[in-house]
């Protein structure tokens, strides 16, 4: 209800809305309106109240809370149920627990800060308080476990399109799960699965997005390889709720297209957006280096590299230069 109230106040812009108008539109009592207004104020929203005029929103903090997201989100399932925390070890940890408790598909877990954020191969993910977006999505697709890696590629497409729509910045995909902006990492994706033999119980997709960090916010070892939306937009501060809403709406679009039409539309779009396709690269695996032209990906998300001798080599996991 607070999300709906916030939506009304945001849409009215500089106009006052009377307590009775809000009461009528939300079908709640004027006492309930006042209580919700007070809760929003406690969360940092400046809401002006003038006798015989009503309420007007004067200031919105840069939050990615349940109320803020729900006031803007236009989806049927993805993000309709939100678990918001100020601080967690990792949103993945909370999401896995919720899976075991029967959380519905589309549930997202979002936190202002992670103390033990994690990326691919167990690497730590630097998750600053209130500067980025750290969230996990719970999915329950009726697909075989062996095709689950396709959802990592789907996520990359949704994140790229969501970020580009929200910011107009030239976001690109780097195989297997990095999102780049002008050659530096802007986001990462981690996909983890709960399965039983030939059946998927759930897939938890973790996404970390650098939004409003500045260069001094990154540890020295990351400053050369990581960036943020704000840094690449000359210091512009982005409303975090706008960014996540854009990503979630794109996610729902591609997820239901995938369930309806299969992987081919995702594969085609991923190859259009990937910075590596058609270029000469070096793939560094645990055992060797493979050099050649990145030709595309298979339905399993395997990278195909054509070497100088003309042969194709499949690369399942590697760092790309």
Protein backbone atom coordinates (compact mmCIF):
# COMPACT_ATOMS: atom_id res chain seq x y z
CA UNK A 1 0.00 0.00 0.00
CA UNK A 2 2.88 2.40 0.73
CA UNK A 3 4.20 1.67 -2.75
CA UNK A 4 0.85 2.69 -4.25
CA UNK A 5 0.78 5.81 -2.07
CA UNK A 6 4.29 6.73 -3.14
CA UNK A 7 3.27 6.24 -6.76
CA UNK A 8 0.35 8.66 -6.33
CA UNK A 9 2.51 11.29 -4.68
CA UNK A 10 5.24 10.93 -7.32
CA UNK A 11 2.77 11.23 -10.20
CA UNK A 12 1.12 14.32 -8.72
CA UNK A 13 4.53 16.09 -8.83
CA UNK A 14 4.07 19.63 -7.41
CA UNK A 15 0.32 19.30 -6.86
CA UNK A 16 -1.17 18.63 -3.45
CA UNK A 17 -3.32 15.55 -2.92
CA UNK A 18 -5.85 15.79 -0.12
CA UNK A 19 -6.11 13.05 2.46
CA UNK A 20 -9.63 12.34 1.18
CA UNK A 21 -8.45 12.01 -2.43
CA UNK A 22 -5.77 9.53 -1.39
CA UNK A 23 -8.25 7.68 0.80
CA UNK A 24 -10.70 7.35 -2.11
CA UNK A 25 -8.06 6.28 -4.64
CA UNK A 26 -6.47 3.67 -2.38
CA UNK A 27 -9.70 2.57 -0.66
CA UNK A 28 -8.26 3.01 2.82
CA UNK A 29 -9.19 5.25 5.74
CA UNK A 30 -7.67 8.70 6.21
CA UNK A 31 -6.09 7.42 9.42
CA UNK A 32 -4.37 4.69 7.38
CA UNK A 33 -3.21 7.34 4.89
CA UNK A 34 -1.63 9.33 7.71
CA UNK A 35 0.10 6.24 9.13
CA UNK A 36 1.59 5.35 5.74
CA UNK A 37 2.74 8.96 5.28
CA UNK A 38 4.54 8.77 8.63
CA UNK A 39 6.25 5.51 7.66
CA UNK A 40 7.49 7.07 4.42
CA UNK A 41 8.84 10.04 6.37
CA UNK A 42 10.74 7.69 8.69
CA UNK A 43 12.42 6.25 5.58
CA UNK A 44 13.67 9.66 4.48
CA UNK A 45 10.89 10.95 2.23
CA UNK A 46 10.04 14.62 2.72
CA UNK A 47 6.27 14.94 2.47
CA UNK A 48 4.75 18.35 3.00
CA UNK A 49 1.38 18.53 4.73
CA UNK A 50 -0.75 21.70 4.47
CA UNK A 51 -4.20 22.03 6.10
CA UNK A 52 -7.08 22.08 3.56
CA UNK A 53 -4.62 21.27 0.76
CA UNK A 54 -3.22 17.87 1.59
CA UNK A 55 0.12 16.21 0.94
CA UNK A 56 2.92 16.89 -1.52
CA UNK A 57 6.17 14.97 -2.07
CA UNK A 58 9.14 17.33 -1.78
CA UNK A 59 12.12 14.96 -1.70
CA UNK A 60 12.81 11.30 -2.49
CA UNK A 61 15.90 9.57 -1.04
CA UNK A 62 17.90 7.33 -3.38
CA UNK A 63 16.49 4.06 -2.11
CA UNK A 64 15.92 0.66 -3.68
CA UNK A 65 13.41 -0.42 -1.06
CA UNK A 66 10.19 -2.39 -1.44
CA UNK A 67 8.03 0.76 -1.43
CA UNK A 68 10.21 2.56 -3.96
CA UNK A 69 10.40 -0.37 -6.40
CA UNK A 70 6.72 -1.25 -6.19
CA UNK A 71 5.72 2.35 -6.84
CA UNK A 72 7.31 2.07 -10.31
CA UNK A 73 7.42 -1.60 -11.33
CA UNK A 74 5.16 -2.80 -14.17
CA UNK A 75 5.56 -6.58 -14.19
CA UNK A 76 3.27 -9.55 -13.64
CA UNK A 77 5.61 -11.82 -11.68
CA UNK A 78 9.26 -10.74 -11.56
CA UNK A 79 9.71 -8.53 -8.52
CA UNK A 80 6.10 -8.59 -7.41
CA UNK A 81 7.24 -10.10 -4.12
CA UNK A 82 10.26 -8.29 -2.63
CA UNK A 83 12.37 -9.11 0.40
CA UNK A 84 14.36 -5.99 1.27
CA UNK A 85 17.20 -5.96 3.81
CA UNK A 86 19.53 -3.19 4.93
CA UNK A 87 22.50 -5.55 5.28
CA UNK A 88 23.08 -9.25 4.54
CA UNK A 89 26.02 -11.58 4.06
CA UNK A 90 24.79 -12.20 0.52
CA UNK A 91 21.39 -11.90 -1.15
CA UNK A 92 22.09 -15.36 -2.61
CA UNK A 93 22.18 -16.82 0.91
CA UNK A 94 18.77 -15.34 1.75
CA UNK A 95 17.29 -16.40 -1.59
CA UNK A 96 18.45 -20.01 -1.16
CA UNK A 97 16.78 -20.08 2.26
CA UNK A 98 13.56 -18.70 0.76
CA UNK A 99 13.62 -21.38 -1.94
CA UNK A 100 13.57 -24.04 0.77
CA UNK A 101 10.63 -22.24 2.38
CA UNK A 102 8.64 -22.34 -0.86
CA UNK A 103 9.08 -18.77 -2.12
CA UNK A 104 7.12 -18.04 -5.27
CA UNK A 105 8.70 -17.54 -8.66
CA UNK A 106 9.78 -13.97 -9.31
CA UNK A 107 10.61 -13.24 -5.67
CA UNK A 108 13.59 -10.93 -5.39
CA UNK A 109 15.92 -10.36 -2.47
CA UNK A 110 17.61 -6.97 -2.41
CA UNK A 111 20.01 -5.45 0.11
CA UNK A 112 21.65 -2.06 0.57
CA UNK A 113 24.87 -3.78 1.60
CA UNK A 114 26.46 -7.22 1.36
CA UNK A 115 29.27 -8.21 3.71
CA UNK A 116 30.16 -11.36 1.79
CA UNK A 117 28.99 -10.75 -1.74
CA UNK A 118 30.20 -13.41 -4.17
CA UNK A 119 30.81 -13.72 -7.87
CA UNK A 120 31.72 -16.49 -10.29
CA UNK A 121 34.17 -19.18 -9.10
CA UNK A 122 33.71 -18.05 -5.50
CA UNK A 123 35.36 -14.69 -6.09
CA UNK A 124 34.34 -11.92 -3.67
CA UNK A 125 32.11 -9.09 -4.94
CA UNK A 126 32.65 -5.63 -3.48
CA UNK A 127 29.18 -4.45 -2.40
CA UNK A 128 29.18 -0.89 -1.07
CA UNK A 129 26.32 0.37 1.04
CA UNK A 130 23.65 2.25 -0.94
CA UNK A 131 25.94 2.84 -3.93
CA UNK A 132 24.93 -0.13 -6.08
CA UNK A 133 22.24 -2.74 -6.55
CA UNK A 134 22.75 -6.17 -5.01
CA UNK A 135 19.85 -8.54 -5.60
CA UNK A 136 18.83 -12.11 -6.36
CA UNK A 137 15.87 -13.44 -8.37
CA UNK A 138 14.16 -16.76 -7.65
CA UNK A 139 12.98 -18.65 -10.75
CA UNK A 140 11.16 -21.96 -11.03
CA UNK A 141 11.28 -22.81 -14.77
CA UNK A 142 9.99 -26.11 -16.12
CA UNK A 143 13.19 -26.92 -18.02
CA UNK A 144 15.76 -29.77 -17.82
CA UNK A 145 18.72 -29.10 -15.49
CA UNK A 146 21.22 -29.44 -18.34
CA UNK A 147 19.94 -26.29 -20.07
CA UNK A 148 19.97 -24.15 -16.90
CA UNK A 149 23.17 -22.30 -18.01
CA UNK A 150 21.04 -20.67 -20.72
CA UNK A 151 19.52 -18.52 -17.98
CA UNK A 152 22.89 -16.88 -17.31
CA UNK A 153 22.94 -15.71 -20.93
CA UNK A 154 19.31 -14.60 -20.68
CA UNK A 155 20.21 -12.60 -17.58
CA UNK A 156 23.07 -10.88 -19.39
CA UNK A 157 20.72 -9.79 -22.18
CA UNK A 158 18.12 -8.49 -19.70
CA UNK A 159 20.71 -6.59 -17.65
CA UNK A 160 22.32 -5.05 -20.74
CA UNK A 161 19.01 -3.89 -22.17
CA UNK A 162 17.72 -2.71 -18.80
CA UNK A 163 20.83 -0.65 -18.09
CA UNK A 164 20.94 0.85 -21.57
CA UNK A 165 17.27 1.84 -21.37
CA UNK A 166 17.72 3.41 -17.93
CA UNK A 167 20.95 5.28 -18.68
CA UNK A 168 21.53 5.59 -22.47
CA UNK A 169 25.08 4.35 -21.86
CA UNK A 170 26.82 1.90 -24.29
CA UNK A 171 26.61 -1.27 -22.18
CA UNK A 172 28.09 -4.51 -23.57
CA UNK A 173 28.25 -8.20 -22.65
CA UNK A 174 31.49 -10.12 -22.15
CA UNK A 175 31.34 -13.92 -22.09
CA UNK A 176 30.43 -15.67 -19.91
CA UNK A 177 28.67 -13.39 -17.43
CA UNK A 178 30.25 -9.93 -17.25
CA UNK A 179 28.56 -6.67 -18.19
CA UNK A 180 30.96 -4.01 -19.41
CA UNK A 181 30.89 -0.26 -19.91
CA UNK A 182 33.68 1.20 -22.00
CA UNK A 183 35.81 -1.85 -21.34
CA UNK A 184 35.39 -1.96 -17.56
CA UNK A 185 33.15 -4.18 -15.47
CA UNK A 186 29.86 -2.63 -14.45
CA UNK A 187 27.97 -5.73 -13.34
CA UNK A 188 28.30 -9.43 -12.64
CA UNK A 189 25.93 -12.41 -12.72
CA UNK A 190 25.93 -15.58 -10.62
CA UNK A 191 23.48 -18.41 -11.39
CA UNK A 192 22.96 -21.23 -8.88
CA UNK A 193 20.55 -24.17 -9.12
CA UNK A 194 18.46 -26.38 -6.85
CA UNK A 195 17.66 -29.62 -8.67
CA UNK A 196 16.57 -33.21 -8.16
CA UNK A 197 17.81 -35.68 -10.83
CA UNK A 198 15.95 -34.53 -13.98
CA UNK A 199 13.93 -31.76 -12.35
CA UNK A 200 14.79 -28.18 -11.41
CA UNK A 201 13.42 -27.12 -8.06
CA UNK A 202 14.60 -23.51 -8.45
CA UNK A 203 17.27 -21.30 -9.94
CA UNK A 204 18.65 -18.35 -8.01
CA UNK A 205 20.15 -15.61 -10.16
CA UNK A 206 22.37 -13.11 -8.34
CA UNK A 207 23.08 -9.73 -9.94
CA UNK A 208 25.47 -7.05 -8.75
CA UNK A 209 25.33 -3.61 -10.41
CA UNK A 210 27.69 -0.70 -9.76
CA UNK A 211 25.48 2.38 -9.88
CA UNK A 212 26.72 5.50 -8.06
CA UNK A 213 30.23 4.61 -6.90
CA UNK A 214 33.08 7.00 -7.62
CA UNK A 215 36.67 5.94 -8.26
CA UNK A 216 37.69 6.37 -4.62
CA UNK A 217 34.94 3.95 -3.57
CA UNK A 218 36.69 0.98 -5.18
CA UNK A 219 39.63 -0.87 -3.61
CA UNK A 220 42.89 -0.11 -5.39
CA UNK A 221 43.02 -3.56 -6.98
CA UNK A 222 39.62 -2.98 -8.64
CA UNK A 223 39.95 0.62 -9.76
CA UNK A 224 41.63 -0.35 -13.04
CA UNK A 225 39.01 -2.91 -14.06
CA UNK A 226 35.73 -1.78 -12.47
CA UNK A 227 33.52 1.23 -13.05
CA UNK A 228 30.02 2.49 -12.27
CA UNK A 229 27.14 4.04 -14.18
CA UNK A 230 27.81 7.36 -12.46
CA UNK A 231 31.53 7.37 -13.33
CA UNK A 232 30.76 6.75 -16.99
CA UNK A 233 28.06 9.44 -17.01
CA UNK A 234 30.35 12.25 -15.78
CA UNK A 235 29.26 11.96 -12.17
CA UNK A 236 25.50 11.85 -12.72
CA UNK A 237 23.68 10.27 -9.78
CA UNK A 238 21.16 7.65 -10.87
CA UNK A 239 18.03 6.79 -8.90
CA UNK A 240 18.72 3.17 -7.98
CA UNK A 241 15.05 2.21 -8.02
CA UNK A 242 14.76 3.40 -11.65
CA UNK A 243 17.69 1.22 -12.64
CA UNK A 244 16.46 -1.98 -10.99
CA UNK A 245 12.92 -1.47 -12.27
CA UNK A 246 14.25 -1.19 -15.83
CA UNK A 247 16.28 -4.40 -15.40
CA UNK A 248 13.40 -6.34 -13.83
CA UNK A 249 10.99 -5.33 -16.59
CA UNK A 250 13.46 -6.44 -19.26
CA UNK A 251 14.04 -9.64 -17.30
CA UNK A 252 10.36 -10.54 -17.34
CA UNK A 253 10.16 -9.82 -21.08
CA UNK A 254 13.03 -12.15 -21.94
CA UNK A 255 12.18 -14.83 -19.37
CA UNK A 256 8.68 -15.39 -20.69
CA UNK A 257 9.88 -15.20 -24.28
CA UNK A 258 12.37 -17.95 -23.37
CA UNK A 259 9.70 -20.15 -21.77
CA UNK A 260 7.45 -19.64 -24.81
CA UNK A 261 9.93 -19.71 -27.71
CA UNK A 262 13.01 -21.46 -26.36
CA UNK A 263 16.63 -20.35 -26.37
CA UNK A 264 17.07 -19.25 -29.98
CA UNK A 265 15.84 -15.62 -29.52
CA UNK A 266 18.12 -15.27 -26.46
CA UNK A 267 21.13 -16.71 -28.28
CA UNK A 268 20.61 -14.41 -31.26
CA UNK A 269 20.27 -11.30 -29.10
CA UNK A 270 23.21 -12.27 -26.86
CA UNK A 271 25.52 -12.59 -29.87
CA UNK A 272 24.40 -9.16 -31.10
CA UNK A 273 25.29 -7.56 -27.78
CA UNK A 274 28.50 -9.45 -26.93
CA UNK A 275 31.72 -7.49 -27.27
CA UNK A 276 33.76 -10.65 -27.95
CA UNK A 277 31.91 -12.10 -30.95
CA UNK A 278 33.80 -11.67 -34.23
CA UNK A 279 36.98 -10.52 -32.52
CA UNK A 280 40.32 -12.16 -31.89
CA UNK A 281 40.56 -13.19 -28.24
CA UNK A 282 42.62 -15.22 -25.82
CA UNK A 283 40.67 -17.55 -23.56
CA UNK A 284 42.60 -18.56 -20.45
CA UNK A 285 41.29 -21.79 -18.96
CA UNK A 286 42.60 -23.68 -15.92
CA UNK A 287 44.84 -25.78 -18.19
CA UNK A 288 45.70 -23.75 -21.28
CA UNK A 289 45.22 -20.68 -23.44
CA UNK A 290 43.15 -20.72 -26.62
CA UNK A 291 43.64 -17.98 -29.21
CA UNK A 292 41.41 -17.27 -32.16
CA UNK A 293 38.23 -15.57 -33.38
CA UNK A 294 35.16 -15.83 -31.13
CA UNK A 295 32.48 -17.14 -33.49
CA UNK A 296 29.49 -17.47 -31.20
CA UNK A 297 27.97 -19.62 -28.49
CA UNK A 298 26.21 -22.97 -28.44
CA UNK A 299 22.80 -23.63 -26.92
CA UNK A 300 24.64 -24.67 -23.77
CA UNK A 301 26.41 -21.31 -23.54
CA UNK A 302 29.75 -22.75 -24.62
CA UNK A 303 32.01 -20.28 -26.43
CA UNK A 304 33.21 -21.33 -29.89
CA UNK A 305 36.66 -20.12 -30.95
CA UNK A 306 38.03 -20.64 -34.46
CA UNK A 307 41.78 -21.08 -34.20
CA UNK A 308 44.36 -20.08 -36.80
CA UNK A 309 44.41 -23.60 -38.23
CA UNK A 310 40.69 -23.32 -38.98
CA UNK A 311 39.48 -25.73 -36.32
CA UNK A 312 36.77 -24.86 -33.79
CA UNK A 313 37.45 -25.21 -30.09
CA UNK A 314 34.77 -25.22 -27.43
CA UNK A 315 35.53 -23.26 -24.27
CA UNK A 316 33.37 -24.01 -21.23
CA UNK A 317 34.92 -21.75 -18.60
CA UNK A 318 37.68 -19.17 -19.03
CA UNK A 319 38.82 -15.60 -18.56
CA UNK A 320 38.79 -13.64 -21.80
CA UNK A 321 41.39 -11.07 -22.96
